[in-house]
């Protein structure tokens, strides 16, 4: 079963930000797709077995903080 998680990442401002976040989050086990909306600052992640902590860590690795 696919599940979906959404994260608010206020620091994203440009296409490079988007690519960095998509690249890092895309490497997390279980992630099938990553959608970044720069206007709303939302990162939507879909996949089979999503590990919230691992996704937050990947966003952090890309240089951004998740707004809890």
PDB file of N, CA and C in Angstrom:
ATOM      1  N   UNK A   1       0.839  -1.195   0.000  1.00  0.00           N
ATOM      2  CA  UNK A   1       0.000   0.000   0.000  1.00  0.00           C
ATOM      3  C   UNK A   1       0.878   1.251   0.000  1.00  0.00           C
ATOM      4  N   UNK A   2       0.551   2.154  -0.868  1.00  0.00           N
ATOM      5  CA  UNK A   2       1.303   3.402  -0.954  1.00  0.00           C
ATOM      6  C   UNK A   2       0.829   4.350   0.145  1.00  0.00           C
ATOM      7  N   UNK A   3       1.784   5.001   0.771  1.00  0.00           N
ATOM      8  CA  UNK A   3       1.420   6.038   1.724  1.00  0.00           C
ATOM      9  C   UNK A   3       2.074   7.339   1.282  1.00  0.00           C
ATOM     10  N   UNK A   4       1.638   8.423   1.886  1.00  0.00           N
ATOM     11  CA  UNK A   4       2.135   9.729   1.482  1.00  0.00           C
ATOM     12  C   UNK A   4       2.396  10.581   2.716  1.00  0.00           C
ATOM     13  N   UNK A   5       3.520  11.274   2.703  1.00  0.00           N
ATOM     14  CA  UNK A   5       3.865  12.197   3.786  1.00  0.00           C
ATOM     15  C   UNK A   5       4.149  13.558   3.169  1.00  0.00           C
ATOM     16  N   UNK A   6       3.762  14.613   3.876  1.00  0.00           N
ATOM     17  CA  UNK A   6       4.030  15.967   3.394  1.00  0.00           C
ATOM     18  C   UNK A   6       4.827  16.717   4.454  1.00  0.00           C
ATOM     19  N   UNK A   7       5.825  17.457   3.994  1.00  0.00           N
ATOM     20  CA  UNK A   7       6.712  18.209   4.887  1.00  0.00           C
ATOM     21  C   UNK A   7       6.737  19.662   4.460  1.00  0.00           C
ATOM     22  N   UNK A   8       6.718  20.573   5.431  1.00  0.00           N
ATOM     23  CA  UNK A   8       6.838  22.001   5.128  1.00  0.00           C
ATOM     24  C   UNK A   8       8.305  22.373   5.276  1.00  0.00           C
ATOM     25  N   UNK A   9       8.903  22.856   4.174  1.00  0.00           N
ATOM     26  CA  UNK A   9      10.334  23.181   4.156  1.00  0.00           C
ATOM     27  C   UNK A   9      10.473  24.627   3.686  1.00  0.00           C
ATOM     28  N   UNK A  10      10.387  25.592   4.632  1.00  0.00           N
ATOM     29  CA  UNK A  10      10.315  27.010   4.268  1.00  0.00           C
ATOM     30  C   UNK A  10      11.559  27.575   3.585  1.00  0.00           C
ATOM     31  N   UNK A  11      12.716  26.918   3.730  1.00  0.00           N
ATOM     32  CA  UNK A  11      13.943  27.466   3.169  1.00  0.00           C
ATOM     33  C   UNK A  11      14.121  27.311   1.667  1.00  0.00           C
ATOM     34  N   UNK A  12      13.261  26.524   1.019  1.00  0.00           N
ATOM     35  CA  UNK A  12      13.408  26.277  -0.422  1.00  0.00           C
ATOM     36  C   UNK A  12      12.934  27.489  -1.218  1.00  0.00           C
ATOM     37  N   UNK A  13      13.795  27.994  -2.110  1.00  0.00           N
ATOM     38  CA  UNK A  13      13.429  29.194  -2.857  1.00  0.00           C
ATOM     39  C   UNK A  13      13.611  29.087  -4.362  1.00  0.00           C
ATOM     40  N   UNK A  14      14.352  28.065  -4.838  1.00  0.00           N
ATOM     41  CA  UNK A  14      14.679  28.048  -6.266  1.00  0.00           C
ATOM     42  C   UNK A  14      14.732  26.630  -6.818  1.00  0.00           C
ATOM     43  N   UNK A  15      14.944  26.544  -8.106  1.00  0.00           N
ATOM     44  CA  UNK A  15      15.035  25.254  -8.778  1.00  0.00           C
ATOM     45  C   UNK A  15      16.160  24.381  -8.234  1.00  0.00           C
ATOM     46  N   UNK A  16      17.270  25.021  -7.839  1.00  0.00           N
ATOM     47  CA  UNK A  16      18.383  24.249  -7.285  1.00  0.00           C
ATOM     48  C   UNK A  16      17.988  23.618  -5.954  1.00  0.00           C
ATOM     49  N   UNK A  17      17.254  24.379  -5.139  1.00  0.00           N
ATOM     50  CA  UNK A  17      16.735  23.853  -3.862  1.00  0.00           C
ATOM     51  C   UNK A  17      15.875  22.613  -4.134  1.00  0.00           C
ATOM     52  N   UNK A  18      14.993  22.762  -5.093  1.00  0.00           N
ATOM     53  CA  UNK A  18      14.060  21.698  -5.463  1.00  0.00           C
ATOM     54  C   UNK A  18      14.828  20.441  -5.883  1.00  0.00           C
ATOM     55  N   UNK A  19      15.833  20.629  -6.739  1.00  0.00           N
ATOM     56  CA  UNK A  19      16.607  19.487  -7.214  1.00  0.00           C
ATOM     57  C   UNK A  19      17.389  18.823  -6.084  1.00  0.00           C
ATOM     58  N   UNK A  20      17.941  19.621  -5.178  1.00  0.00           N
ATOM     59  CA  UNK A  20      18.701  19.071  -4.050  1.00  0.00           C
ATOM     60  C   UNK A  20      17.813  18.205  -3.161  1.00  0.00           C
ATOM     61  N   UNK A  21      16.639  18.750  -2.820  1.00  0.00           N
ATOM     62  CA  UNK A  21      15.715  18.019  -1.947  1.00  0.00           C
ATOM     63  C   UNK A  21      15.213  16.756  -2.642  1.00  0.00           C
ATOM     64  N   UNK A  22      14.807  16.878  -3.900  1.00  0.00           N
ATOM     65  CA  UNK A  22      14.316  15.704  -4.635  1.00  0.00           C
ATOM     66  C   UNK A  22      15.397  14.628  -4.733  1.00  0.00           C
ATOM     67  N   UNK A  23      16.635  15.064  -4.969  1.00  0.00           N
ATOM     68  CA  UNK A  23      17.736  14.117  -5.102  1.00  0.00           C
ATOM     69  C   UNK A  23      18.008  13.356  -3.823  1.00  0.00           C
ATOM     70  N   UNK A  24      18.100  14.071  -2.702  1.00  0.00           N
ATOM     71  CA  UNK A  24      18.389  13.419  -1.421  1.00  0.00           C
ATOM     72  C   UNK A  24      17.237  12.539  -0.950  1.00  0.00           C
ATOM     73  N   UNK A  25      16.013  13.080  -1.021  1.00  0.00           N
ATOM     74  CA  UNK A  25      14.853  12.310  -0.542  1.00  0.00           C
ATOM     75  C   UNK A  25      14.620  11.081  -1.433  1.00  0.00           C
ATOM     76  N   UNK A  26      14.919  11.232  -2.725  1.00  0.00           N
ATOM     77  CA  UNK A  26      14.751  10.115  -3.658  1.00  0.00           C
ATOM     78  C   UNK A  26      15.635   8.917  -3.348  1.00  0.00           C
ATOM     79  N   UNK A  27      16.714   9.129  -2.602  1.00  0.00           N
ATOM     80  CA  UNK A  27      17.638   8.046  -2.237  1.00  0.00           C
ATOM     81  C   UNK A  27      17.146   7.242  -1.036  1.00  0.00           C
ATOM     82  N   UNK A  28      16.164   7.770  -0.304  1.00  0.00           N
ATOM     83  CA  UNK A  28      15.686   7.095   0.912  1.00  0.00           C
ATOM     84  C   UNK A  28      14.924   5.822   0.536  1.00  0.00           C
ATOM     85  N   UNK A  29      15.233   4.749   1.234  1.00  0.00           N
ATOM     86  CA  UNK A  29      14.585   3.457   0.984  1.00  0.00           C
ATOM     87  C   UNK A  29      13.065   3.574   1.097  1.00  0.00           C
ATOM     88  N   UNK A  30      12.346   2.990   0.150  1.00  0.00           N
ATOM     89  CA  UNK A  30      10.887   2.978   0.188  1.00  0.00           C
ATOM     90  C   UNK A  30      10.232   4.145  -0.526  1.00  0.00           C
ATOM     91  N   UNK A  31      11.018   5.176  -0.888  1.00  0.00           N
ATOM     92  CA  UNK A  31      10.443   6.352  -1.539  1.00  0.00           C
ATOM     93  C   UNK A  31      10.234   6.066  -3.027  1.00  0.00           C
ATOM     94  N   UNK A  32       8.995   6.245  -3.484  1.00  0.00           N
ATOM     95  CA  UNK A  32       8.667   6.017  -4.893  1.00  0.00           C
ATOM     96  C   UNK A  32       8.673   7.327  -5.676  1.00  0.00           C
ATOM     97  N   UNK A  33       8.235   8.407  -5.033  1.00  0.00           N
ATOM     98  CA  UNK A  33       8.206   9.691  -5.729  1.00  0.00           C
ATOM     99  C   UNK A  33       8.331  10.842  -4.744  1.00  0.00           C
ATOM    100  N   UNK A  34       8.898  11.941  -5.255  1.00  0.00           N
ATOM    101  CA  UNK A  34       9.078  13.150  -4.453  1.00  0.00           C
ATOM    102  C   UNK A  34       8.567  14.318  -5.284  1.00  0.00           C
ATOM    103  N   UNK A  35       7.667  15.124  -4.723  1.00  0.00           N
ATOM    104  CA  UNK A  35       7.162  16.307  -5.422  1.00  0.00           C
ATOM    105  C   UNK A  35       7.431  17.530  -4.548  1.00  0.00           C
ATOM    106  N   UNK A  36       8.144  18.504  -5.117  1.00  0.00           N
ATOM    107  CA  UNK A  36       8.449  19.731  -4.386  1.00  0.00           C
ATOM    108  C   UNK A  36       7.649  20.874  -5.000  1.00  0.00           C
ATOM    109  N   UNK A  37       6.897  21.589  -4.168  1.00  0.00           N
ATOM    110  CA  UNK A  37       6.144  22.760  -4.614  1.00  0.00           C
ATOM    111  C   UNK A  37       6.786  23.987  -3.970  1.00  0.00           C
ATOM    112  N   UNK A  38       7.513  24.757  -4.781  1.00  0.00           N
ATOM    113  CA  UNK A  38       8.224  25.915  -4.241  1.00  0.00           C
ATOM    114  C   UNK A  38       7.276  27.009  -3.751  1.00  0.00           C
ATOM    115  N   UNK A  39       6.108  27.135  -4.372  1.00  0.00           N
ATOM    116  CA  UNK A  39       5.154  28.174  -3.954  1.00  0.00           C
ATOM    117  C   UNK A  39       4.648  27.933  -2.542  1.00  0.00           C
ATOM    118  N   UNK A  40       4.262  26.693  -2.254  1.00  0.00           N
ATOM    119  CA  UNK A  40       3.718  26.377  -0.928  1.00  0.00           C
ATOM    120  C   UNK A  40       4.802  25.885   0.031  1.00  0.00           C
ATOM    121  N   UNK A  41       6.028  25.683  -0.495  1.00  0.00           N
ATOM    122  CA  UNK A  41       7.158  25.169   0.300  1.00  0.00           C
ATOM    123  C   UNK A  41       6.873  23.780   0.848  1.00  0.00           C
ATOM    124  N   UNK A  42       6.117  22.989   0.099  1.00  0.00           N
ATOM    125  CA  UNK A  42       5.773  21.648   0.551  1.00  0.00           C
ATOM    126  C   UNK A  42       6.528  20.583  -0.236  1.00  0.00           C
ATOM    127  N   UNK A  43       6.968  19.564   0.477  1.00  0.00           N
ATOM    128  CA  UNK A  43       7.593  18.393  -0.130  1.00  0.00           C
ATOM    129  C   UNK A  43       6.652  17.226   0.143  1.00  0.00           C
ATOM    130  N   UNK A  44       6.130  16.618  -0.918  1.00  0.00           N
ATOM    131  CA  UNK A  44       5.222  15.490  -0.771  1.00  0.00           C
ATOM    132  C   UNK A  44       5.953  14.231  -1.225  1.00  0.00           C
ATOM    133  N   UNK A  45       6.005  13.247  -0.338  1.00  0.00           N
ATOM    134  CA  UNK A  45       6.741  12.016  -0.597  1.00  0.00           C
ATOM    135  C   UNK A  45       5.769  10.845  -0.587  1.00  0.00           C
ATOM    136  N   UNK A  46       5.845  10.005  -1.629  1.00  0.00           N
ATOM    137  CA  UNK A  46       4.987   8.827  -1.698  1.00  0.00           C
ATOM    138  C   UNK A  46       5.859   7.584  -1.783  1.00  0.00           C
ATOM    139  N   UNK A  47       5.371   6.496  -1.196  1.00  0.00           N
ATOM    140  CA  UNK A  47       6.124   5.248  -1.252  1.00  0.00           C
ATOM    141  C   UNK A  47       5.456   4.155  -0.458  1.00  0.00           C
ATOM    142  N   UNK A  48       6.134   3.004  -0.418  1.00  0.00           N
ATOM    143  CA  UNK A  48       5.585   1.836   0.257  1.00  0.00           C
ATOM    144  C   UNK A  48       5.746   1.930   1.772  1.00  0.00           C
ATOM    145  N   UNK A  49       6.969   1.940   2.226  1.00  0.00           N
ATOM    146  CA  UNK A  49       7.241   2.004   3.659  1.00  0.00           C
ATOM    147  C   UNK A  49       8.070   3.248   3.904  1.00  0.00           C
ATOM    148  N   UNK A  50       7.405   4.323   4.259  1.00  0.00           N
ATOM    149  CA  UNK A  50       8.093   5.596   4.446  1.00  0.00           C
ATOM    150  C   UNK A  50       8.572   5.759   5.881  1.00  0.00           C
ATOM    151  N   UNK A  51       9.844   6.120   6.020  1.00  0.00           N
ATOM    152  CA  UNK A  51      10.445   6.370   7.323  1.00  0.00           C
ATOM    153  C   UNK A  51      10.559   7.886   7.481  1.00  0.00           C
ATOM    154  N   UNK A  52       9.665   8.446   8.282  1.00  0.00           N
ATOM    155  CA  UNK A  52       9.613   9.903   8.450  1.00  0.00           C
ATOM    156  C   UNK A  52      10.962  10.481   8.873  1.00  0.00           C
ATOM    157  N   UNK A  53      11.614   9.834   9.841  1.00  0.00           N
ATOM    158  CA  UNK A  53      12.903  10.324  10.343  1.00  0.00           C
ATOM    159  C   UNK A  53      13.967  10.308   9.250  1.00  0.00           C
ATOM    160  N   UNK A  54      13.964   9.272   8.420  1.00  0.00           N
ATOM    161  CA  UNK A  54      14.952   9.163   7.341  1.00  0.00           C
ATOM    162  C   UNK A  54      14.720  10.245   6.290  1.00  0.00           C
ATOM    163  N   UNK A  55      13.453  10.580   6.035  1.00  0.00           N
ATOM    164  CA  UNK A  55      13.140  11.619   5.053  1.00  0.00           C
ATOM    165  C   UNK A  55      13.544  12.989   5.601  1.00  0.00           C
ATOM    166  N   UNK A  56      13.255  13.247   6.874  1.00  0.00           N
ATOM    167  CA  UNK A  56      13.667  14.508   7.495  1.00  0.00           C
ATOM    168  C   UNK A  56      15.195  14.626   7.452  1.00  0.00           C
ATOM    169  N   UNK A  57      15.899  13.518   7.715  1.00  0.00           N
ATOM    170  CA  UNK A  57      17.361  13.513   7.672  1.00  0.00           C
ATOM    171  C   UNK A  57      17.860  13.808   6.259  1.00  0.00           C
ATOM    172  N   UNK A  58      17.171  13.287   5.240  1.00  0.00           N
ATOM    173  CA  UNK A  58      17.563  13.524   3.850  1.00  0.00           C
ATOM    174  C   UNK A  58      17.358  14.989   3.469  1.00  0.00           C
ATOM    175  N   UNK A  59      16.264  15.581   3.933  1.00  0.00           N
ATOM    176  CA  UNK A  59      16.006  17.000   3.671  1.00  0.00           C
ATOM    177  C   UNK A  59      17.086  17.835   4.352  1.00  0.00           C
ATOM    178  N   UNK A  60      17.467  17.429   5.562  1.00  0.00           N
ATOM    179  CA  UNK A  60      18.539  18.096   6.298  1.00  0.00           C
ATOM    180  C   UNK A  60      19.861  17.977   5.529  1.00  0.00           C
ATOM    181  N   UNK A  61      20.109  16.800   4.984  1.00  0.00           N
ATOM    182  CA  UNK A  61      21.324  16.540   4.198  1.00  0.00           C
ATOM    183  C   UNK A  61      21.377  17.443   2.965  1.00  0.00           C
ATOM    184  N   UNK A  62      20.205  17.749   2.420  1.00  0.00           N
ATOM    185  CA  UNK A  62      20.132  18.642   1.254  1.00  0.00           C
ATOM    186  C   UNK A  62      20.345  20.109   1.654  1.00  0.00           C
ATOM    187  N   UNK A  63      20.383  20.359   2.972  1.00  0.00           N
ATOM    188  CA  UNK A  63      20.670  21.705   3.454  1.00  0.00           C
ATOM    189  C   UNK A  63      19.462  22.494   3.921  1.00  0.00           C
ATOM    190  N   UNK A  64      18.362  21.787   4.196  1.00  0.00           N
ATOM    191  CA  UNK A  64      17.129  22.462   4.585  1.00  0.00           C
ATOM    192  C   UNK A  64      16.553  21.881   5.860  1.00  0.00           C
ATOM    193  N   UNK A  65      15.775  22.703   6.558  1.00  0.00           N
ATOM    194  CA  UNK A  65      15.133  22.231   7.787  1.00  0.00           C
ATOM    195  C   UNK A  65      13.636  22.074   7.557  1.00  0.00           C
ATOM    196  N   UNK A  66      13.109  20.994   8.108  1.00  0.00           N
ATOM    197  CA  UNK A  66      11.668  20.761   8.063  1.00  0.00           C
ATOM    198  C   UNK A  66      11.034  21.570   9.182  1.00  0.00           C
ATOM    199  N   UNK A  67       9.997  22.312   8.852  1.00  0.00           N
ATOM    200  CA  UNK A  67       9.242  23.097   9.820  1.00  0.00           C
ATOM    201  C   UNK A  67       8.200  22.167  10.435  1.00  0.00           C
ATOM    202  N   UNK A  68       8.422  21.767  11.680  1.00  0.00           N
ATOM    203  CA  UNK A  68       7.581  20.745  12.315  1.00  0.00           C
ATOM    204  C   UNK A  68       6.113  21.139  12.373  1.00  0.00           C
TER     205      UNK A  68
END
